[in-house]
């Protein structure tokens, strides 16, 4: 009988989450802004749970969990401003719901702890924020998320 260790189980679960997310985003040609909104929803919910638990235990979260990861040096976040109402009018709610469901169901299925889930989503958040930081106009917010080959 082949039994997985806890570390192997977590690793396999994270690989499953990564593969499913990459496949869906590519299949739906999801815009950067839509992926960003879905990720932020999940990160906020997970962070609320994690922060509450850690504060009850008297602990402190490491920065790489508590805060978005810093962008690469030399990359400056865009100072461009866009009407949030216009952006929200254009997003595809159904496409976002599909990604939201995939992430939620996969996190439950792979049964990883909240800290591991936040870290997994922080890596996605970093990728998305890097692309959003380069946006100079509203059209670029709706460009498909570019996922590196080695992702």
C-alpha atoms as a PDB file:
ATOM      1  CA  UNK A   1       0.000   0.000   0.000  1.00  0.00           C
ATOM      2  CA  UNK A   2       1.386   3.401  -1.017  1.00  0.00           C
ATOM      3  CA  UNK A   3       0.841   5.977   1.724  1.00  0.00           C
ATOM      4  CA  UNK A   4       1.641   9.629   1.198  1.00  0.00           C
ATOM      5  CA  UNK A   5       3.317  11.649   3.899  1.00  0.00           C
ATOM      6  CA  UNK A   6       1.678  14.891   4.998  1.00  0.00           C
ATOM      7  CA  UNK A   7       4.253  16.922   3.031  1.00  0.00           C
ATOM      8  CA  UNK A   8       3.670  14.865  -0.123  1.00  0.00           C
ATOM      9  CA  UNK A   9      -0.072  15.250   0.294  1.00  0.00           C
ATOM     10  CA  UNK A  10       0.226  19.036   0.633  1.00  0.00           C
ATOM     11  CA  UNK A  11       2.578  19.220  -2.342  1.00  0.00           C
ATOM     12  CA  UNK A  12       0.256  17.098  -4.472  1.00  0.00           C
ATOM     13  CA  UNK A  13      -2.686  19.264  -3.431  1.00  0.00           C
ATOM     14  CA  UNK A  14      -0.858  22.479  -4.319  1.00  0.00           C
ATOM     15  CA  UNK A  15       0.116  21.016  -7.694  1.00  0.00           C
ATOM     16  CA  UNK A  16      -3.540  20.137  -8.284  1.00  0.00           C
ATOM     17  CA  UNK A  17      -4.621  23.683  -7.408  1.00  0.00           C
ATOM     18  CA  UNK A  18      -1.940  25.150  -9.671  1.00  0.00           C
ATOM     19  CA  UNK A  19      -2.743  22.898 -12.638  1.00  0.00           C
ATOM     20  CA  UNK A  20      -6.487  23.442 -12.438  1.00  0.00           C
ATOM     21  CA  UNK A  21      -6.130  27.199 -12.067  1.00  0.00           C
ATOM     22  CA  UNK A  22      -3.666  27.505 -14.960  1.00  0.00           C
ATOM     23  CA  UNK A  23      -5.862  25.351 -17.204  1.00  0.00           C
ATOM     24  CA  UNK A  24      -9.043  27.272 -16.443  1.00  0.00           C
ATOM     25  CA  UNK A  25      -7.482  30.725 -16.791  1.00  0.00           C
ATOM     26  CA  UNK A  26      -5.950  29.734 -20.119  1.00  0.00           C
ATOM     27  CA  UNK A  27      -9.118  28.011 -21.340  1.00  0.00           C
ATOM     28  CA  UNK A  28     -11.302  31.027 -20.528  1.00  0.00           C
ATOM     29  CA  UNK A  29      -8.648  33.553 -21.593  1.00  0.00           C
ATOM     30  CA  UNK A  30      -9.330  35.352 -18.335  1.00  0.00           C
ATOM     31  CA  UNK A  31      -8.423  39.025 -18.099  1.00  0.00           C
ATOM     32  CA  UNK A  32      -5.958  40.108 -15.444  1.00  0.00           C
ATOM     33  CA  UNK A  33      -8.545  42.220 -13.607  1.00  0.00           C
ATOM     34  CA  UNK A  34     -11.005  39.335 -13.263  1.00  0.00           C
ATOM     35  CA  UNK A  35      -8.353  36.992 -11.887  1.00  0.00           C
ATOM     36  CA  UNK A  36      -7.253  39.754  -9.492  1.00  0.00           C
ATOM     37  CA  UNK A  37     -10.780  40.241  -8.158  1.00  0.00           C
ATOM     38  CA  UNK A  38     -11.336  36.518  -7.560  1.00  0.00           C
ATOM     39  CA  UNK A  39      -7.967  36.067  -5.874  1.00  0.00           C
ATOM     40  CA  UNK A  40      -8.524  39.069  -3.636  1.00  0.00           C
ATOM     41  CA  UNK A  41     -11.889  37.710  -2.541  1.00  0.00           C
ATOM     42  CA  UNK A  42     -10.317  34.407  -1.488  1.00  0.00           C
ATOM     43  CA  UNK A  43      -7.251  35.950   0.114  1.00  0.00           C
ATOM     44  CA  UNK A  44      -9.382  38.373   2.143  1.00  0.00           C
ATOM     45  CA  UNK A  45     -11.630  35.574   3.419  1.00  0.00           C
ATOM     46  CA  UNK A  46      -8.689  33.326   4.291  1.00  0.00           C
ATOM     47  CA  UNK A  47      -6.788  36.193   5.934  1.00  0.00           C
ATOM     48  CA  UNK A  48      -9.779  37.038   8.134  1.00  0.00           C
ATOM     49  CA  UNK A  49      -9.865  33.457   9.401  1.00  0.00           C
ATOM     50  CA  UNK A  50      -6.102  33.241   9.806  1.00  0.00           C
ATOM     51  CA  UNK A  51      -5.741  36.625  11.520  1.00  0.00           C
ATOM     52  CA  UNK A  52      -8.480  35.773  13.993  1.00  0.00           C
ATOM     53  CA  UNK A  53      -6.882  32.419  14.814  1.00  0.00           C
ATOM     54  CA  UNK A  54      -3.379  33.854  15.188  1.00  0.00           C
ATOM     55  CA  UNK A  55      -4.550  36.748  17.382  1.00  0.00           C
ATOM     56  CA  UNK A  56      -6.377  34.303  19.674  1.00  0.00           C
ATOM     57  CA  UNK A  57      -3.134  32.352  19.994  1.00  0.00           C
ATOM     58  CA  UNK A  58      -1.145  35.530  20.655  1.00  0.00           C
ATOM     59  CA  UNK A  59       0.971  35.021  17.550  1.00  0.00           C
ATOM     60  CA  UNK A  60       2.065  37.183  14.668  1.00  0.00           C
ATOM     61  CA  UNK A  61       1.826  36.363  10.979  1.00  0.00           C
ATOM     62  CA  UNK A  62       4.994  36.525   8.877  1.00  0.00           C
ATOM     63  CA  UNK A  63       5.024  39.366   6.331  1.00  0.00           C
ATOM     64  CA  UNK A  64       4.974  36.977   3.356  1.00  0.00           C
ATOM     65  CA  UNK A  65       1.591  35.779   4.593  1.00  0.00           C
ATOM     66  CA  UNK A  66       0.114  38.996   6.013  1.00  0.00           C
ATOM     67  CA  UNK A  67       0.995  41.305   3.117  1.00  0.00           C
ATOM     68  CA  UNK A  68       1.118  41.068  -0.675  1.00  0.00           C
ATOM     69  CA  UNK A  69       4.579  40.140  -1.864  1.00  0.00           C
ATOM     70  CA  UNK A  70       6.647  43.106  -3.057  1.00  0.00           C
ATOM     71  CA  UNK A  71       6.917  43.657  -6.777  1.00  0.00           C
ATOM     72  CA  UNK A  72      10.253  43.211  -8.509  1.00  0.00           C
ATOM     73  CA  UNK A  73      12.664  46.087  -8.108  1.00  0.00           C
ATOM     74  CA  UNK A  74      12.459  48.520 -10.980  1.00  0.00           C
ATOM     75  CA  UNK A  75       8.771  47.792 -11.488  1.00  0.00           C
ATOM     76  CA  UNK A  76       6.757  50.727 -10.294  1.00  0.00           C
ATOM     77  CA  UNK A  77       3.055  50.378  -9.740  1.00  0.00           C
ATOM     78  CA  UNK A  78       1.121  52.355 -12.305  1.00  0.00           C
ATOM     79  CA  UNK A  79      -0.270  55.691 -11.202  1.00  0.00           C
ATOM     80  CA  UNK A  80      -2.953  55.432 -13.878  1.00  0.00           C
ATOM     81  CA  UNK A  81      -6.482  55.734 -12.562  1.00  0.00           C
ATOM     82  CA  UNK A  82      -9.517  54.014 -13.971  1.00  0.00           C
ATOM     83  CA  UNK A  83     -13.166  54.334 -13.127  1.00  0.00           C
ATOM     84  CA  UNK A  84     -13.915  51.378 -10.900  1.00  0.00           C
ATOM     85  CA  UNK A  85     -17.585  51.497 -11.885  1.00  0.00           C
ATOM     86  CA  UNK A  86     -16.692  51.184 -15.575  1.00  0.00           C
ATOM     87  CA  UNK A  87     -14.319  48.327 -14.883  1.00  0.00           C
ATOM     88  CA  UNK A  88     -16.947  46.499 -12.802  1.00  0.00           C
ATOM     89  CA  UNK A  89     -19.530  46.992 -15.569  1.00  0.00           C
ATOM     90  CA  UNK A  90     -17.252  45.219 -18.044  1.00  0.00           C
ATOM     91  CA  UNK A  91     -16.098  42.214 -16.004  1.00  0.00           C
ATOM     92  CA  UNK A  92     -17.664  38.865 -16.811  1.00  0.00           C
ATOM     93  CA  UNK A  93     -19.336  37.730 -13.574  1.00  0.00           C
ATOM     94  CA  UNK A  94     -19.967  34.214 -14.884  1.00  0.00           C
ATOM     95  CA  UNK A  95     -16.336  33.687 -15.810  1.00  0.00           C
ATOM     96  CA  UNK A  96     -15.284  34.999 -12.387  1.00  0.00           C
ATOM     97  CA  UNK A  97     -17.792  32.685 -10.680  1.00  0.00           C
ATOM     98  CA  UNK A  98     -16.294  29.696 -12.489  1.00  0.00           C
ATOM     99  CA  UNK A  99     -12.778  30.560 -11.272  1.00  0.00           C
ATOM    100  CA  UNK A 100     -14.102  31.323  -7.792  1.00  0.00           C
ATOM    101  CA  UNK A 101     -15.813  27.938  -7.620  1.00  0.00           C
ATOM    102  CA  UNK A 102     -12.770  26.091  -8.939  1.00  0.00           C
ATOM    103  CA  UNK A 103     -10.493  27.648  -6.304  1.00  0.00           C
ATOM    104  CA  UNK A 104     -12.985  27.134  -3.459  1.00  0.00           C
ATOM    105  CA  UNK A 105     -13.753  23.513  -4.348  1.00  0.00           C
ATOM    106  CA  UNK A 106     -10.101  22.644  -4.928  1.00  0.00           C
ATOM    107  CA  UNK A 107      -9.012  24.175  -1.605  1.00  0.00           C
ATOM    108  CA  UNK A 108     -11.628  22.061   0.179  1.00  0.00           C
ATOM    109  CA  UNK A 109     -10.756  18.946  -1.823  1.00  0.00           C
ATOM    110  CA  UNK A 110      -6.992  19.127  -1.256  1.00  0.00           C
ATOM    111  CA  UNK A 111      -7.563  19.811   2.439  1.00  0.00           C
ATOM    112  CA  UNK A 112      -4.623  22.130   3.097  1.00  0.00           C
ATOM    113  CA  UNK A 113      -4.471  24.448   6.063  1.00  0.00           C
ATOM    114  CA  UNK A 114      -5.380  28.119   5.800  1.00  0.00           C
ATOM    115  CA  UNK A 115      -1.753  29.293   5.955  1.00  0.00           C
ATOM    116  CA  UNK A 116      -0.757  27.069   3.019  1.00  0.00           C
ATOM    117  CA  UNK A 117      -3.809  28.223   1.059  1.00  0.00           C
ATOM    118  CA  UNK A 118      -2.923  31.893   1.594  1.00  0.00           C
ATOM    119  CA  UNK A 119       0.668  31.319   0.482  1.00  0.00           C
ATOM    120  CA  UNK A 120      -0.511  29.483  -2.637  1.00  0.00           C
ATOM    121  CA  UNK A 121      -2.825  32.353  -3.538  1.00  0.00           C
ATOM    122  CA  UNK A 122      -0.156  34.972  -2.678  1.00  0.00           C
ATOM    123  CA  UNK A 123       2.025  33.586  -5.488  1.00  0.00           C
ATOM    124  CA  UNK A 124      -0.868  34.066  -7.924  1.00  0.00           C
ATOM    125  CA  UNK A 125      -1.543  37.508  -6.476  1.00  0.00           C
ATOM    126  CA  UNK A 126       2.097  38.471  -7.100  1.00  0.00           C
ATOM    127  CA  UNK A 127       1.877  37.392 -10.738  1.00  0.00           C
ATOM    128  CA  UNK A 128      -1.358  39.337 -11.239  1.00  0.00           C
ATOM    129  CA  UNK A 129      -0.117  42.474  -9.417  1.00  0.00           C
ATOM    130  CA  UNK A 130       3.024  42.471 -11.555  1.00  0.00           C
ATOM    131  CA  UNK A 131       0.882  42.568 -14.699  1.00  0.00           C
ATOM    132  CA  UNK A 132      -1.557  45.109 -13.251  1.00  0.00           C
ATOM    133  CA  UNK A 133       1.333  47.380 -12.263  1.00  0.00           C
ATOM    134  CA  UNK A 134       2.351  47.602 -15.894  1.00  0.00           C
ATOM    135  CA  UNK A 135      -1.135  48.611 -17.072  1.00  0.00           C
ATOM    136  CA  UNK A 136      -1.263  52.106 -18.506  1.00  0.00           C
ATOM    137  CA  UNK A 137      -4.840  52.039 -19.721  1.00  0.00           C
ATOM    138  CA  UNK A 138      -8.144  50.312 -19.032  1.00  0.00           C
ATOM    139  CA  UNK A 139      -7.738  48.024 -22.024  1.00  0.00           C
ATOM    140  CA  UNK A 140      -4.696  46.404 -20.449  1.00  0.00           C
ATOM    141  CA  UNK A 141      -6.751  45.469 -17.408  1.00  0.00           C
ATOM    142  CA  UNK A 142      -8.767  43.250 -19.717  1.00  0.00           C
ATOM    143  CA  UNK A 143      -5.782  41.681 -21.446  1.00  0.00           C
ATOM    144  CA  UNK A 144      -5.528  37.963 -20.770  1.00  0.00           C
ATOM    145  CA  UNK A 145      -3.384  37.021 -17.794  1.00  0.00           C
ATOM    146  CA  UNK A 146      -0.005  35.878 -19.073  1.00  0.00           C
ATOM    147  CA  UNK A 147       1.134  32.789 -17.205  1.00  0.00           C
ATOM    148  CA  UNK A 148       4.839  31.987 -17.615  1.00  0.00           C
ATOM    149  CA  UNK A 149       5.726  28.625 -19.193  1.00  0.00           C
ATOM    150  CA  UNK A 150       7.443  27.384 -16.030  1.00  0.00           C
ATOM    151  CA  UNK A 151       4.568  28.426 -13.790  1.00  0.00           C
END
